[in-house]
Amino acid sequence: MKTVMAFGTFDPLHLGHLRYFQAAKKHGTRLVVVVARDATVRKTKGMLPRFAERDRLEMVKALRIVDLAVLGGKGDKLAVIRKFRPSVVVLGYDQRVDEGCLEEKLREAGLTARVVRVAKPYAPLRHKSSAIKRAGFGD
């Protein structure tokens, strides 16, 4: 079984995320999705997500395409990758992570996962979390 891992906040979960999961799943047979912790979102985006981490996790778990959904780690960002040892880590088109740097960090940690990026967004004017929030979703 070839495990693929995808990461994100998923706040709110939308069709663009489903397309991301579909693109990720093409790289393997088992899709593990890591949902960002509230504290991680605050640190990286400067604000808490609208939906709590447990709610976002439950939404992702409910999708048939997702074989396993877990919360991200509280400290060591590579811990979850070490735990599941995916063959491929798939990044979203807008995630601020350099593929080469991540691959290098994985190698230094003794991990052999290949890092790939989803090339293009799915209808980003409608299916992007920040655009949905600007439109007043959840207000």
C-alpha atoms as a PDB file:
ATOM      1  CA  MET A   1       0.000   0.000   0.000  1.00  0.00           C
ATOM      2  CA  LYS A   2       1.413   3.375  -1.024  1.00  0.00           C
ATOM      3  CA  THR A   3       0.527   6.089   1.506  1.00  0.00           C
ATOM      4  CA  VAL A   4       0.039   9.682   0.406  1.00  0.00           C
ATOM      5  CA  MET A   5      -0.151  12.530   2.903  1.00  0.00           C
ATOM      6  CA  ALA A   6      -1.872  15.894   2.464  1.00  0.00           C
ATOM      7  CA  PHE A   7      -1.944  18.824   4.887  1.00  0.00           C
ATOM      8  CA  GLY A   8      -4.198  21.811   5.428  1.00  0.00           C
ATOM      9  CA  THR A   9      -6.401  23.923   7.635  1.00  0.00           C
ATOM     10  CA  PHE A  10      -9.675  23.190   5.799  1.00  0.00           C
ATOM     11  CA  ASP A  11     -11.470  26.197   7.274  1.00  0.00           C
ATOM     12  CA  PRO A  12     -14.032  25.947   5.837  1.00  0.00           C
ATOM     13  CA  LEU A  13     -13.888  22.672   3.940  1.00  0.00           C
ATOM     14  CA  HIS A  14     -14.940  23.228   0.304  1.00  0.00           C
ATOM     15  CA  LEU A  15     -14.860  21.728  -3.180  1.00  0.00           C
ATOM     16  CA  GLY A  16     -11.326  22.974  -3.812  1.00  0.00           C
ATOM     17  CA  HIS A  17     -10.176  20.811  -0.908  1.00  0.00           C
ATOM     18  CA  LEU A  18     -11.956  17.794  -2.376  1.00  0.00           C
ATOM     19  CA  ARG A  19     -10.133  18.377  -5.678  1.00  0.00           C
ATOM     20  CA  TYR A  20      -6.840  18.620  -3.719  1.00  0.00           C
ATOM     21  CA  PHE A  21      -7.588  15.259  -2.069  1.00  0.00           C
ATOM     22  CA  GLN A  22      -8.450  13.721  -5.441  1.00  0.00           C
ATOM     23  CA  ALA A  23      -5.186  14.972  -6.951  1.00  0.00           C
ATOM     24  CA  ALA A  24      -3.258  13.685  -3.937  1.00  0.00           C
ATOM     25  CA  LYS A  25      -4.884  10.249  -4.045  1.00  0.00           C
ATOM     26  CA  LYS A  26      -3.642   9.782  -7.619  1.00  0.00           C
ATOM     27  CA  HIS A  27      -0.141   9.437  -6.138  1.00  0.00           C
ATOM     28  CA  GLY A  28      -0.981   6.391  -4.020  1.00  0.00           C
ATOM     29  CA  THR A  29      -3.587   4.060  -2.587  1.00  0.00           C
ATOM     30  CA  ARG A  30      -4.036   5.340   0.988  1.00  0.00           C
ATOM     31  CA  LEU A  31      -4.727   9.032   1.661  1.00  0.00           C
ATOM     32  CA  VAL A  32      -3.833  10.373   5.100  1.00  0.00           C
ATOM     33  CA  VAL A  33      -4.938  13.968   5.658  1.00  0.00           C
ATOM     34  CA  VAL A  34      -3.376  16.051   8.417  1.00  0.00           C
ATOM     35  CA  VAL A  35      -5.613  18.818   9.764  1.00  0.00           C
ATOM     36  CA  ALA A  36      -3.767  21.797  11.239  1.00  0.00           C
ATOM     37  CA  ARG A  37      -4.114  22.455  14.947  1.00  0.00           C
ATOM     38  CA  ASP A  38      -5.784  25.679  16.045  1.00  0.00           C
ATOM     39  CA  ALA A  39      -2.522  26.890  17.624  1.00  0.00           C
ATOM     40  CA  THR A  40      -0.611  26.170  14.405  1.00  0.00           C
ATOM     41  CA  VAL A  41      -3.154  28.130  12.365  1.00  0.00           C
ATOM     42  CA  ARG A  42      -2.877  31.069  14.765  1.00  0.00           C
ATOM     43  CA  LYS A  43       0.913  30.979  14.501  1.00  0.00           C
ATOM     44  CA  THR A  44       1.056  30.719  10.697  1.00  0.00           C
ATOM     45  CA  LYS A  45      -1.965  32.836   9.717  1.00  0.00           C
ATOM     46  CA  GLY A  46      -2.113  35.243  12.639  1.00  0.00           C
ATOM     47  CA  MET A  47      -5.642  34.285  13.659  1.00  0.00           C
ATOM     48  CA  LEU A  48      -7.634  31.349  14.895  1.00  0.00           C
ATOM     49  CA  PRO A  49      -9.668  29.376  12.377  1.00  0.00           C
ATOM     50  CA  ARG A  50     -13.431  29.913  12.371  1.00  0.00           C
ATOM     51  CA  PHE A  51     -14.038  26.237  13.028  1.00  0.00           C
ATOM     52  CA  ALA A  52     -12.297  24.403  15.878  1.00  0.00           C
ATOM     53  CA  GLU A  53      -9.735  21.727  15.034  1.00  0.00           C
ATOM     54  CA  ARG A  54     -11.995  18.860  16.155  1.00  0.00           C
ATOM     55  CA  ASP A  55     -14.841  20.109  13.935  1.00  0.00           C
ATOM     56  CA  ARG A  56     -12.537  20.471  10.935  1.00  0.00           C
ATOM     57  CA  LEU A  57     -11.124  17.014  11.609  1.00  0.00           C
ATOM     58  CA  GLU A  58     -14.610  15.454  11.698  1.00  0.00           C
ATOM     59  CA  MET A  59     -15.529  17.114   8.386  1.00  0.00           C
ATOM     60  CA  VAL A  60     -12.419  15.743   6.679  1.00  0.00           C
ATOM     61  CA  LYS A  61     -12.956  12.281   8.220  1.00  0.00           C
ATOM     62  CA  ALA A  62     -16.456  12.198   6.721  1.00  0.00           C
ATOM     63  CA  LEU A  63     -15.125  12.259   3.154  1.00  0.00           C
ATOM     64  CA  ARG A  64     -14.997   8.853   1.452  1.00  0.00           C
ATOM     65  CA  ILE A  65     -11.794   9.666  -0.399  1.00  0.00           C
ATOM     66  CA  VAL A  66      -9.923  10.195   2.882  1.00  0.00           C
ATOM     67  CA  ASP A  67      -8.672   6.931   4.343  1.00  0.00           C
ATOM     68  CA  LEU A  68      -7.461   8.497   7.585  1.00  0.00           C
ATOM     69  CA  ALA A  69      -7.599  12.026   8.984  1.00  0.00           C
ATOM     70  CA  VAL A  70      -5.531  13.118  11.965  1.00  0.00           C
ATOM     71  CA  LEU A  71      -4.656  16.310  13.780  1.00  0.00           C
ATOM     72  CA  GLY A  72      -1.207  17.733  13.206  1.00  0.00           C
ATOM     73  CA  GLY A  73       1.412  17.667  15.911  1.00  0.00           C
ATOM     74  CA  LYS A  74       1.733  20.290  18.595  1.00  0.00           C
ATOM     75  CA  GLY A  75       5.470  20.752  18.216  1.00  0.00           C
ATOM     76  CA  ASP A  76       7.627  18.743  15.846  1.00  0.00           C
ATOM     77  CA  LYS A  77       6.111  19.227  12.395  1.00  0.00           C
ATOM     78  CA  LEU A  78       7.787  16.092  11.060  1.00  0.00           C
ATOM     79  CA  ALA A  79       6.422  13.820  13.810  1.00  0.00           C
ATOM     80  CA  VAL A  80       3.235  13.006  11.916  1.00  0.00           C
ATOM     81  CA  ILE A  81       5.243  12.226   8.775  1.00  0.00           C
ATOM     82  CA  ARG A  82       7.561   9.970  10.784  1.00  0.00           C
ATOM     83  CA  LYS A  83       4.540   8.217  12.291  1.00  0.00           C
ATOM     84  CA  PHE A  84       2.819   7.351   8.983  1.00  0.00           C
ATOM     85  CA  ARG A  85       5.899   7.227   6.710  1.00  0.00           C
ATOM     86  CA  PRO A  86       4.140   8.238   3.487  1.00  0.00           C
ATOM     87  CA  SER A  87       5.668   7.565   0.102  1.00  0.00           C
ATOM     88  CA  VAL A  88       4.476  10.959  -1.131  1.00  0.00           C
ATOM     89  CA  VAL A  89       3.688  14.266   0.551  1.00  0.00           C
ATOM     90  CA  VAL A  90       1.345  16.357  -1.593  1.00  0.00           C
ATOM     91  CA  LEU A  91       1.258  20.123  -1.106  1.00  0.00           C
ATOM     92  CA  GLY A  92      -1.555  22.381  -2.190  1.00  0.00           C
ATOM     93  CA  TYR A  93      -0.857  25.007  -4.849  1.00  0.00           C
ATOM     94  CA  ASP A  94      -0.965  27.815  -2.258  1.00  0.00           C
ATOM     95  CA  GLN A  95       0.879  26.233   0.661  1.00  0.00           C
ATOM     96  CA  ARG A  96       3.932  28.286   1.624  1.00  0.00           C
ATOM     97  CA  VAL A  97       6.391  25.409   1.717  1.00  0.00           C
ATOM     98  CA  ASP A  98       9.315  24.945  -0.644  1.00  0.00           C
ATOM     99  CA  GLU A  99       9.234  21.400  -2.013  1.00  0.00           C
ATOM    100  CA  GLY A 100      13.026  21.101  -2.191  1.00  0.00           C
ATOM    101  CA  CYS A 101      13.547  22.358   1.371  1.00  0.00           C
ATOM    102  CA  LEU A 102      10.897  19.989   2.697  1.00  0.00           C
ATOM    103  CA  GLU A 103      12.412  17.036   0.849  1.00  0.00           C
ATOM    104  CA  GLU A 104      15.809  17.934   2.296  1.00  0.00           C
ATOM    105  CA  LYS A 105      14.371  18.095   5.846  1.00  0.00           C
ATOM    106  CA  LEU A 106      12.705  14.730   5.284  1.00  0.00           C
ATOM    107  CA  ARG A 107      15.997  13.173   4.113  1.00  0.00           C
ATOM    108  CA  GLU A 108      17.806  14.606   7.154  1.00  0.00           C
ATOM    109  CA  ALA A 109      15.141  12.941   9.328  1.00  0.00           C
ATOM    110  CA  GLY A 110      15.695   9.600   7.578  1.00  0.00           C
ATOM    111  CA  LEU A 111      12.455   9.772   5.571  1.00  0.00           C
ATOM    112  CA  THR A 112      12.230   8.956   1.877  1.00  0.00           C
ATOM    113  CA  ALA A 113       8.917  10.594   0.934  1.00  0.00           C
ATOM    114  CA  ARG A 114       8.780  12.376  -2.374  1.00  0.00           C
ATOM    115  CA  VAL A 115       7.247  15.870  -2.240  1.00  0.00           C
ATOM    116  CA  VAL A 116       4.925  17.010  -5.037  1.00  0.00           C
ATOM    117  CA  ARG A 117       2.704  20.041  -5.446  1.00  0.00           C
ATOM    118  CA  VAL A 118      -0.791  20.225  -6.884  1.00  0.00           C
ATOM    119  CA  ALA A 119      -0.178  22.455  -9.877  1.00  0.00           C
ATOM    120  CA  LYS A 120      -3.292  24.553 -10.109  1.00  0.00           C
ATOM    121  CA  PRO A 121      -6.298  25.564  -8.049  1.00  0.00           C
ATOM    122  CA  TYR A 122      -9.861  24.551  -8.673  1.00  0.00           C
ATOM    123  CA  ALA A 123     -12.018  27.667  -9.269  1.00  0.00           C
ATOM    124  CA  PRO A 124     -10.055  29.793  -6.751  1.00  0.00           C
ATOM    125  CA  LEU A 125     -12.418  32.754  -6.933  1.00  0.00           C
ATOM    126  CA  ARG A 126     -15.196  30.558  -5.511  1.00  0.00           C
ATOM    127  CA  HIS A 127     -13.422  27.651  -3.856  1.00  0.00           C
ATOM    128  CA  LYS A 128     -10.690  29.196  -1.719  1.00  0.00           C
ATOM    129  CA  SER A 129     -11.111  29.526   2.027  1.00  0.00           C
ATOM    130  CA  SER A 130     -10.019  33.170   2.169  1.00  0.00           C
ATOM    131  CA  ALA A 131     -12.470  34.108  -0.629  1.00  0.00           C
ATOM    132  CA  ILE A 132     -15.302  32.267   1.117  1.00  0.00           C
ATOM    133  CA  LYS A 133     -14.521  34.100   4.377  1.00  0.00           C
ATOM    134  CA  ARG A 134     -14.402  37.482   2.585  1.00  0.00           C
ATOM    135  CA  ALA A 135     -17.835  36.700   1.158  1.00  0.00           C
ATOM    136  CA  GLY A 136     -19.155  36.411   4.713  1.00  0.00           C
ATOM    137  CA  PHE A 137     -19.417  32.653   5.119  1.00  0.00           C
ATOM    138  CA  GLY A 138     -19.992  31.769   8.732  1.00  0.00           C
ATOM    139  CA  ASP A 139     -20.843  35.301   9.838  1.00  0.00           C
END
